[in-house]
Amino acid sequence: MSKIFNIKDQKSMKRFDELQLQRSNNFDAVSNDVIEIISKIRDHGDDALVEYTNRFDKNKLILDDLLISKNIIDQSINNIDEDLSNALRFSYKRIYDYHKHIKPENKFYVDEIGTKIDLVWNPIESVGIYVPGGKAIYPSSVLMNAIPAIVAGAKRIVMVTPSINGTPNESILAAASICNVNEVYQIGGAQAIAALAYGTSSIRKVDMIVGPGNSYVAAAKKNVFGDVGVDMVAGPSEVLVVADSNVDSDWVIEDLFAQAEHDDNAQSILVTKDIEFANIIEQKINQRLSQIEQNSTLKNSWNSYGSIILCENNKEITDFINYIAPEHLQLCTLDANDLVKSISNAGAIFIGEYTPEAIGDYVAGSNHVLPTLQTAKFSSGLSVLNFMKKTSIIECDKDNFQKIAPSAISIAEEEGLMSHARSLKLRLNKINK
C-alpha cells in the first residue's frame, strides 16, 4: 500500500488519522505491573529494589552493588574512545552555554502606588535523572538532562541507569563524570522511578524526575507525578520533514530513517507539494528497505507509521504541522523562514538543509528531550526552566495597603470568605483610627 496521503482526500487522511491513534500512549498493558512494582518499592524498599533489578536486568547484585563508586565513574573516561570523549565535552560546553543564556533572572517591580511585587527564581534542590542502559545506549541523554539542572543550581543530581549482567555502560558513566554527577545507581525500570520518587533506606527521594525510558518507565513517571515532579510522559519519537526537489532526496531519506531507527513505534513524516519528489522518495525508501533485515526497528517503524503527505500550498503545510505538533520539525525548503512564521506547535524546529534533526540531538545546544504525540500543543522541551521554580514576593506599607484593601474586601465578601475580609478590615480600622 502506498505511503502517500493526499491532504485533500478525506479517505486518505482518515487512514492517516487511524495510524496516529495506534501510536497514542496506552499504558493499559503495563499499568497493573507498574502499580505493583511501585507498591512493593514503597512497602519493602531496598529488598524489592534489588529483587526487581536482578530479575529484569539479568543481574546478580547485592544492595552494596547498586551505588556505582566515584572511582569507577571517573575511570570510565579513560575506557572510551578519545574522539567520543572529546565530542561529549564539546557537546557539554554548547549545551551549558545555551542554557546559561536562557536562564531566567529575578524581576523586581514596584507599581504606581508603591506596592512591591517581585518574582524570584530558585532551583529545584534534588533531581533524579533516568538514562536508558539496556537496548538503547544514549550518553547524550545524560548531558541533555543533567546540564540544565546544573545550570539551574540543583544541589543534588542523582542518576539511575540499568546495567545488564552487572556491567554499566562506559559511555553513559563517562558522560556522568563529565557532568560531575557522582551519585549513580545501576537500577532501571519502574522500580528505579519508584525508588527516586519515594526513597529507600539507601536512596534518598528526589524532588523531580526527568529522562526518557520505555513504556514501564513512562507509566511509572505518570503514576508518581504529584508526589514528585516529572518532566513529561514521553511517547515514541517522531520527525516531520518539509522538503522538495531542491534538497537531495538521499538526505531526506536519511533524515526520515534517523527517527525511524529509534523505536518500532517512532514515526517519520515527509510533507511536500511536489508529487514527483514524493514518488521518488517512496520508491527509494522501498528499495532501501528491501535491503534491510526483515524485523529491524527501522523497517518496522516505516512500514507501520511512515507517511508522505501531499499538500498544494503553504497554508495546508503549516495547518497540518500545527495539527500534528511534531516533536522534531525540519524545514528544508527555500521558503523555510517564511513557513516558520506560521508554525506555533512543534517541539523543536530545524531550518535549512544543513540543519538536520540529528544536529539537535547532540551538539546544537538546545535540548533533545521534547514533547511527543501532539503534546507540543501545550508543552515545551526540557530546559533550565524545568529545574527552576518561581516565587512571588509581595510587600505593602500602610499607604498602599489602604488603597488596595477595599477592593479585596468586596471580592472576599462576595465569595463568602469572611475571615479573609476581616483580616483586611482589622488593619484598615487601625490605620483609620
Protein backbone atom coordinates (compact mmCIF):
# COMPACT_ATOMS: atom_id res chain seq x y z
CA MET A 1 0.00 0.00 0.00
CA SER A 2 1.29 3.45 -0.93
CA LYS A 3 2.60 5.65 1.88
CA ILE A 4 1.47 8.83 0.08
CA PHE A 5 -1.54 10.58 1.62
CA ASN A 6 -3.26 13.48 -0.17
CA ILE A 7 -4.35 16.13 2.31
CA LYS A 8 -7.42 16.95 0.19
CA ASP A 9 -8.57 13.32 0.07
CA GLN A 10 -10.76 12.58 3.11
CA LYS A 11 -10.45 8.80 2.80
CA SER A 12 -6.69 9.09 2.53
CA MET A 13 -6.41 11.32 5.59
CA LYS A 14 -8.80 9.13 7.55
CA ARG A 15 -6.36 6.28 7.03
CA PHE A 16 -3.55 8.54 8.23
CA ASP A 17 -5.52 9.54 11.35
CA GLU A 18 -6.06 5.87 12.17
CA LEU A 19 -2.28 5.43 12.18
CA GLN A 20 -2.00 8.29 14.66
CA LEU A 21 -4.46 6.67 17.04
CA GLN A 22 -2.39 3.49 17.07
CA ARG A 23 0.61 5.48 18.32
CA SER A 24 -1.12 7.07 21.31
CA ASN A 25 0.30 6.44 24.77
CA ASN A 26 -1.65 3.49 26.08
CA PHE A 27 -0.31 2.09 29.32
CA ASP A 28 -3.09 -0.45 29.84
CA ALA A 29 -0.79 -3.36 29.01
CA VAL A 30 1.75 -2.41 31.68
CA SER A 31 -0.18 -0.32 34.19
CA ASN A 32 -1.03 -3.15 36.61
CA ASP A 33 2.57 -4.36 36.67
CA VAL A 34 3.85 -0.82 37.21
CA ILE A 35 1.44 -0.17 40.08
CA GLU A 36 2.53 -3.42 41.73
CA ILE A 37 6.22 -2.56 41.33
CA ILE A 38 5.76 0.91 42.81
CA SER A 39 3.75 -0.50 45.71
CA LYS A 40 6.42 -3.09 46.55
CA ILE A 41 9.20 -0.49 46.43
CA ARG A 42 7.21 1.71 48.82
CA ASP A 43 6.48 -1.17 51.17
CA HIS A 44 9.71 -3.15 51.00
CA GLY A 45 12.29 -0.61 49.87
CA ASP A 46 15.76 -1.90 49.11
CA ASP A 47 14.80 -5.58 49.27
CA ALA A 48 12.25 -5.13 46.49
CA LEU A 49 14.62 -2.89 44.54
CA VAL A 50 17.39 -5.49 44.49
CA GLU A 51 14.94 -8.28 43.65
CA TYR A 52 13.45 -6.40 40.67
CA THR A 53 16.87 -5.26 39.47
CA ASN A 54 18.19 -8.80 39.35
CA ARG A 55 15.01 -10.19 37.81
CA PHE A 56 14.57 -7.67 35.00
CA ASP A 57 18.19 -6.78 34.21
CA LYS A 58 19.72 -10.27 34.37
CA ASN A 59 21.91 -9.28 37.30
CA LYS A 60 23.15 -10.90 40.47
CA LEU A 61 23.69 -7.77 42.51
CA ILE A 62 23.54 -7.18 46.24
CA LEU A 63 22.48 -3.91 47.82
CA ASP A 64 26.04 -2.60 48.11
CA ASP A 65 26.50 -3.02 44.35
CA LEU A 66 23.72 -0.62 43.38
CA LEU A 67 25.66 2.59 44.02
CA ILE A 68 28.49 2.87 41.49
CA SER A 69 31.67 4.19 43.07
CA LYS A 70 33.07 7.58 42.07
CA ASN A 71 36.32 5.87 41.07
CA ILE A 72 34.52 3.69 38.52
CA ILE A 73 32.61 6.70 37.18
CA ASP A 74 35.76 8.79 36.77
CA GLN A 75 37.77 5.91 35.32
CA SER A 76 35.17 5.45 32.59
CA ILE A 77 36.56 8.49 30.77
CA ASN A 78 39.73 6.51 30.12
CA ASN A 79 37.76 3.50 28.91
CA ILE A 80 36.03 5.17 25.98
CA ASP A 81 37.36 6.31 22.62
CA GLU A 82 39.20 9.64 22.76
CA ASP A 83 37.12 11.08 19.92
CA LEU A 84 33.93 10.22 21.81
CA SER A 85 35.31 11.77 25.00
CA ASN A 86 36.17 14.99 23.14
CA ALA A 87 32.77 15.01 21.43
CA LEU A 88 30.95 14.66 24.76
CA ARG A 89 32.97 17.54 26.24
CA PHE A 90 32.30 19.64 23.12
CA SER A 91 28.58 18.92 23.44
CA TYR A 92 28.66 19.69 27.18
CA LYS A 93 30.00 23.19 26.57
CA ARG A 94 27.46 24.01 23.88
CA ILE A 95 24.52 22.76 25.96
CA TYR A 96 25.82 24.55 29.06
CA ASP A 97 26.34 27.86 27.25
CA TYR A 98 22.89 27.79 25.68
CA HIS A 99 21.05 27.01 28.91
CA LYS A 100 23.06 29.59 30.82
CA HIS A 101 21.98 32.13 28.22
CA ILE A 102 18.27 31.36 28.69
CA LYS A 103 18.35 31.02 32.49
CA PRO A 104 15.65 33.35 33.86
CA GLU A 105 16.52 36.32 36.01
CA ASN A 106 14.71 37.66 39.06
CA LYS A 107 12.29 40.51 38.39
CA PHE A 108 11.79 43.42 40.78
CA TYR A 109 8.67 45.51 40.30
CA VAL A 110 7.15 48.44 42.16
CA ASP A 111 3.71 49.53 40.96
CA GLU A 112 2.38 53.08 40.68
CA ILE A 113 1.26 53.17 44.34
CA GLY A 114 4.46 51.71 45.74
CA THR A 115 3.48 48.04 46.22
CA LYS A 116 6.49 45.76 45.77
CA ILE A 117 5.81 42.64 43.72
CA ASP A 118 8.99 40.70 42.98
CA LEU A 119 9.45 37.43 41.13
CA VAL A 120 12.32 35.29 42.41
CA TRP A 121 13.62 32.08 40.80
CA ASN A 122 15.08 29.22 42.82
CA PRO A 123 16.44 25.86 41.68
CA ILE A 124 14.74 22.58 42.43
CA GLU A 125 17.06 21.17 45.08
CA SER A 126 17.10 17.45 44.26
CA VAL A 127 16.81 15.96 40.76
CA GLY A 128 16.72 12.35 39.58
CA ILE A 129 17.80 11.54 36.02
CA TYR A 130 16.74 8.34 34.29
CA VAL A 131 19.08 7.20 31.50
CA PRO A 132 18.31 4.08 29.43
CA GLY A 133 21.01 1.44 29.60
CA GLY A 134 19.61 -1.70 28.01
CA LYS A 135 18.98 -1.88 24.26
CA ALA A 136 19.31 1.91 23.99
CA ILE A 137 22.64 3.48 24.99
CA TYR A 138 22.39 7.26 24.98
CA PRO A 139 25.23 9.17 26.68
CA SER A 140 23.73 12.27 25.07
CA SER A 141 20.70 11.83 27.34
CA VAL A 142 22.96 12.25 30.37
CA LEU A 143 24.13 15.61 29.05
CA MET A 144 20.69 16.80 27.98
CA ASN A 145 19.11 16.00 31.35
CA ALA A 146 21.94 16.87 33.73
CA ILE A 147 23.30 20.11 32.28
CA PRO A 148 20.08 22.19 32.58
CA ALA A 149 19.83 21.05 36.22
CA ILE A 150 23.46 22.05 36.77
CA VAL A 151 22.86 25.48 35.24
CA ALA A 152 19.73 25.91 37.35
CA GLY A 153 21.77 25.26 40.50
CA ALA A 154 20.32 21.95 41.71
CA LYS A 155 22.19 20.89 44.86
CA ARG A 156 21.82 17.14 44.26
CA ILE A 157 21.67 15.31 40.95
CA VAL A 158 21.31 11.54 41.09
CA MET A 159 21.34 9.31 38.03
CA VAL A 160 19.83 5.87 37.60
CA THR A 161 20.66 3.63 34.66
CA PRO A 162 20.18 -0.12 34.30
CA SER A 163 23.16 -2.39 33.80
CA ILE A 164 22.98 -5.72 32.03
CA ASN A 165 24.81 -8.63 33.66
CA GLY A 166 26.19 -6.24 36.26
CA THR A 167 28.11 -4.10 33.76
CA PRO A 168 27.20 -0.39 33.50
CA ASN A 169 27.76 1.21 30.12
CA GLU A 170 31.10 3.04 29.96
CA SER A 171 29.95 5.91 27.72
CA ILE A 172 26.99 6.68 30.00
CA LEU A 173 29.28 6.72 33.03
CA ALA A 174 31.78 8.90 31.15
CA ALA A 175 29.03 11.41 30.39
CA ALA A 176 28.07 11.39 34.08
CA SER A 177 31.70 12.05 35.00
CA ILE A 178 31.89 14.98 32.58
CA CYS A 179 28.76 16.39 34.24
CA ASN A 180 30.25 15.74 37.71
CA VAL A 181 27.28 13.53 38.58
CA ASN A 182 28.74 11.25 41.25
CA GLU A 183 25.62 9.60 42.69
CA VAL A 184 24.81 6.92 40.14
CA TYR A 185 22.81 3.74 40.77
CA GLN A 186 22.72 0.77 38.40
CA ILE A 187 18.96 0.34 38.54
CA GLY A 188 16.29 0.84 35.93
CA GLY A 189 12.65 0.40 35.00
CA ALA A 190 9.61 1.32 37.07
CA GLN A 191 11.47 0.21 40.20
CA ALA A 192 14.09 2.92 39.69
CA ILE A 193 11.42 5.59 39.22
CA ALA A 194 9.68 4.42 42.42
CA ALA A 195 12.96 4.50 44.37
CA LEU A 196 13.63 8.06 43.24
CA ALA A 197 10.08 9.18 43.96
CA TYR A 198 9.64 7.65 47.41
CA GLY A 199 13.13 6.80 48.56
CA THR A 200 14.51 3.67 50.22
CA SER A 201 16.92 3.15 53.09
CA SER A 202 19.83 3.51 50.69
CA ILE A 203 18.45 6.08 48.20
CA ARG A 204 17.10 9.44 49.29
CA LYS A 205 13.99 10.60 47.44
CA VAL A 206 14.25 13.43 44.93
CA ASP A 207 12.01 16.39 44.17
CA MET A 208 11.87 15.88 40.41
CA ILE A 209 12.45 13.06 37.92
CA VAL A 210 13.45 13.58 34.29
CA GLY A 211 14.64 11.43 31.41
CA PRO A 212 13.38 9.03 28.72
CA GLY A 213 12.58 5.35 29.10
CA ASN A 214 10.40 2.50 27.89
CA SER A 215 6.67 2.13 28.50
CA TYR A 216 7.25 0.92 32.08
CA VAL A 217 9.34 3.99 32.87
CA ALA A 218 6.84 6.34 31.24
CA ALA A 219 3.90 4.71 33.05
CA ALA A 220 5.78 4.88 36.36
CA LYS A 221 6.53 8.59 35.86
CA LYS A 222 2.86 9.20 35.14
CA ASN A 223 1.90 7.26 38.27
CA VAL A 224 4.24 9.08 40.69
CA PHE A 225 3.53 12.55 39.33
CA GLY A 226 2.07 14.69 42.08
CA ASP A 227 4.19 13.03 44.74
CA VAL A 228 7.21 14.20 42.78
CA GLY A 229 7.65 16.43 39.74
CA VAL A 230 8.30 14.90 36.31
CA ASP A 231 9.44 16.49 33.07
CA MET A 232 6.92 14.79 30.78
CA VAL A 233 5.43 11.41 29.93
CA ALA A 234 7.11 10.96 26.57
CA GLY A 235 5.84 8.69 23.85
CA PRO A 236 7.66 7.28 20.82
CA SER A 237 9.83 9.69 18.85
CA GLU A 238 8.76 11.48 15.67
CA VAL A 239 10.00 13.79 12.92
CA LEU A 240 8.20 15.77 10.26
CA VAL A 241 10.30 16.90 7.28
CA VAL A 242 9.11 19.52 4.81
CA ALA A 243 11.12 19.19 1.58
CA ASP A 244 11.04 19.29 -2.20
CA SER A 245 13.38 18.64 -5.12
CA ASN A 246 15.67 21.49 -4.06
CA VAL A 247 17.16 19.19 -1.41
CA ASP A 248 18.99 15.93 -2.06
CA SER A 249 16.47 13.08 -1.82
CA ASP A 250 19.03 10.82 -0.14
CA TRP A 251 19.48 13.42 2.62
CA VAL A 252 15.72 13.48 3.19
CA ILE A 253 15.51 9.69 3.36
CA GLU A 254 18.33 9.52 5.89
CA ASP A 255 16.63 12.21 8.00
CA LEU A 256 13.42 10.17 7.97
CA PHE A 257 15.30 6.97 8.80
CA ALA A 258 17.20 8.71 11.61
CA GLN A 259 13.95 8.88 13.54
CA ALA A 260 12.60 5.52 12.42
CA GLU A 261 15.65 3.69 13.81
CA HIS A 262 14.78 4.80 17.35
CA ASP A 263 11.74 2.68 18.01
CA ASP A 264 9.20 0.39 16.32
CA ASN A 265 6.55 3.00 17.19
CA ALA A 266 8.54 6.01 16.01
CA GLN A 267 7.05 8.00 13.15
CA SER A 268 8.71 9.75 10.20
CA ILE A 269 6.61 12.03 8.01
CA LEU A 270 7.56 13.82 4.80
CA VAL A 271 5.41 16.77 3.73
CA THR A 272 5.80 18.10 0.20
CA LYS A 273 3.97 19.95 -2.56
CA ASP A 274 5.90 18.05 -5.24
CA ILE A 275 4.22 14.78 -6.30
CA GLU A 276 7.23 13.73 -8.37
CA PHE A 277 9.50 14.22 -5.39
CA ALA A 278 7.07 12.24 -3.21
CA ASN A 279 7.12 9.34 -5.67
CA ILE A 280 10.93 9.38 -5.85
CA ILE A 281 11.21 9.30 -2.05
CA GLU A 282 8.73 6.43 -1.75
CA GLN A 283 10.48 4.41 -4.47
CA LYS A 284 13.93 4.94 -2.96
CA ILE A 285 12.71 4.08 0.53
CA ASN A 286 11.15 0.85 -0.70
CA GLN A 287 14.41 -0.01 -2.42
CA ARG A 288 16.41 0.71 0.73
CA LEU A 289 14.04 -1.27 2.94
CA SER A 290 14.29 -4.30 0.66
CA GLN A 291 17.97 -4.49 1.60
CA ILE A 292 17.33 -4.30 5.37
CA GLU A 293 16.72 -7.33 7.57
CA GLN A 294 13.06 -8.18 7.98
CA ASN A 295 12.49 -7.40 11.67
CA SER A 296 14.69 -4.32 12.05
CA THR A 297 13.41 -1.39 14.10
CA LEU A 298 13.82 1.00 11.19
CA LYS A 299 11.83 -1.21 8.83
CA ASN A 300 9.08 -1.87 11.38
CA SER A 301 8.73 1.83 12.11
CA TRP A 302 8.49 2.97 8.50
CA ASN A 303 6.18 0.15 7.44
CA SER A 304 3.85 0.85 10.36
CA TYR A 305 3.85 4.63 10.62
CA GLY A 306 5.99 6.20 7.89
CA SER A 307 3.98 8.68 5.83
CA ILE A 308 4.29 11.12 2.93
CA ILE A 309 1.73 13.95 2.97
CA LEU A 310 1.00 15.73 -0.30
CA CYS A 311 -0.15 19.35 0.04
CA GLU A 312 -0.99 22.02 -2.55
CA ASN A 313 0.14 25.20 -0.76
CA ASN A 314 1.99 26.53 2.25
CA LYS A 315 -1.15 27.13 4.28
CA GLU A 316 -2.04 23.44 4.02
CA ILE A 317 1.51 22.61 5.10
CA THR A 318 1.53 24.87 8.17
CA ASP A 319 -2.02 23.91 9.17
CA PHE A 320 -1.00 20.25 9.03
CA ILE A 321 2.17 20.91 11.05
CA ASN A 322 0.24 22.75 13.75
CA TYR A 323 -2.26 19.88 13.87
CA ILE A 324 0.43 17.19 14.19
CA ALA A 325 2.56 19.32 16.58
CA PRO A 326 5.64 17.21 15.82
CA GLU A 327 8.43 16.56 18.29
CA HIS A 328 11.01 17.43 15.61
CA LEU A 329 10.28 19.59 12.57
CA GLN A 330 12.73 20.03 9.69
CA LEU A 331 12.01 22.77 7.17
CA CYS A 332 14.25 22.05 4.18
CA THR A 333 12.55 24.21 1.53
CA LEU A 334 13.85 27.53 0.22
CA ASP A 335 10.95 29.37 1.91
CA ALA A 336 11.61 27.79 5.34
CA ASN A 337 11.98 31.16 7.07
CA ASP A 338 8.57 32.20 5.78
CA LEU A 339 6.94 28.92 6.81
CA VAL A 340 8.25 29.13 10.36
CA LYS A 341 6.33 32.36 10.99
CA SER A 342 3.05 30.42 10.78
CA ILE A 343 4.11 27.50 12.97
CA SER A 344 3.21 27.52 16.66
CA ASN A 345 3.14 23.81 17.55
CA ALA A 346 6.46 21.96 17.41
CA GLY A 347 8.97 20.69 19.95
CA ALA A 348 12.00 21.95 18.02
CA ILE A 349 12.32 23.41 14.52
CA PHE A 350 15.37 22.89 12.30
CA ILE A 351 15.65 25.34 9.43
CA GLY A 352 17.50 24.70 6.19
CA GLU A 353 19.02 21.66 4.52
CA TYR A 354 22.16 21.90 6.66
CA THR A 355 20.26 21.71 9.94
CA PRO A 356 19.13 18.08 10.23
CA GLU A 357 17.39 16.98 13.40
CA ALA A 358 20.44 14.92 14.35
CA ILE A 359 22.40 18.13 14.98
CA GLY A 360 19.86 18.96 17.69
CA ASP A 361 20.20 15.52 19.23
CA TYR A 362 23.83 16.12 20.07
CA VAL A 363 25.57 19.45 19.58
CA ALA A 364 23.24 22.35 18.70
CA GLY A 365 22.99 23.28 22.38
CA SER A 366 19.23 23.17 22.75
CA ASN A 367 17.63 20.10 24.30
CA HIS A 368 16.64 16.83 22.64
CA VAL A 369 14.09 15.95 25.34
CA LEU A 370 10.96 17.14 23.57
CA PRO A 371 7.16 16.70 23.72
CA THR A 372 5.71 13.91 21.56
CA LEU A 373 2.28 12.72 20.41
CA GLN A 374 0.90 16.23 19.79
CA THR A 375 1.74 17.42 23.32
CA ALA A 376 3.79 20.24 21.76
CA LYS A 377 0.40 21.98 21.55
CA PHE A 378 0.64 22.67 25.28
CA SER A 379 4.15 21.83 26.45
CA SER A 380 7.79 22.51 25.67
CA GLY A 381 11.11 20.75 25.54
CA LEU A 382 13.28 20.26 28.61
CA SER A 383 15.39 23.27 29.60
CA VAL A 384 16.84 25.07 32.59
CA LEU A 385 13.31 26.37 33.24
CA ASN A 386 12.14 22.86 34.19
CA PHE A 387 14.62 22.82 37.07
CA MET A 388 13.60 26.18 38.50
CA LYS A 389 10.53 27.41 40.33
CA LYS A 390 9.33 30.95 40.75
CA THR A 391 8.08 32.63 43.91
CA SER A 392 6.22 35.93 44.17
CA ILE A 393 7.30 38.26 46.97
CA ILE A 394 4.77 40.96 47.85
CA GLU A 395 5.25 43.87 50.25
CA CYS A 396 2.74 46.58 51.17
CA ASP A 397 3.06 49.54 53.51
CA LYS A 398 0.24 51.37 55.27
CA ASP A 399 -0.38 53.80 52.42
CA ASN A 400 -0.68 51.34 49.52
CA PHE A 401 -2.47 48.76 51.69
CA GLN A 402 -5.14 51.37 52.39
CA LYS A 403 -5.60 51.92 48.66
CA ILE A 404 -5.98 48.32 47.57
CA ALA A 405 -7.61 46.60 50.56
CA PRO A 406 -11.20 47.87 50.00
CA SER A 407 -11.40 46.09 46.62
CA ALA A 408 -10.06 42.90 48.18
CA ILE A 409 -12.71 43.13 50.92
CA SER A 410 -15.52 43.44 48.35
CA ILE A 411 -14.34 40.35 46.49
CA ALA A 412 -13.84 38.32 49.70
CA GLU A 413 -17.37 39.17 50.91
CA GLU A 414 -18.85 38.19 47.55
CA GLU A 415 -17.10 34.83 47.84
CA GLY A 416 -18.36 34.34 51.39
CA LEU A 417 -14.86 34.23 52.88
CA MET A 418 -15.49 36.45 55.86
CA SER A 419 -12.21 35.84 57.66
CA HIS A 420 -10.43 36.99 54.55
CA ALA A 421 -12.44 40.20 54.68
CA ARG A 422 -11.95 40.69 58.43
CA SER A 423 -8.20 40.13 58.06
CA LEU A 424 -8.17 43.19 55.84
CA LYS A 425 -10.76 45.25 57.76
CA LEU A 426 -8.92 44.96 61.07
CA ARG A 427 -5.83 46.52 59.51
CA LEU A 428 -7.85 49.25 57.80
CA ASN A 429 -9.58 50.07 61.08
CA LYS A 430 -6.24 50.52 62.83
CA ILE A 431 -4.95 52.79 60.06
CA ASN A 432 -8.13 54.90 60.09
CA LYS A 433 -8.22 55.48 63.88
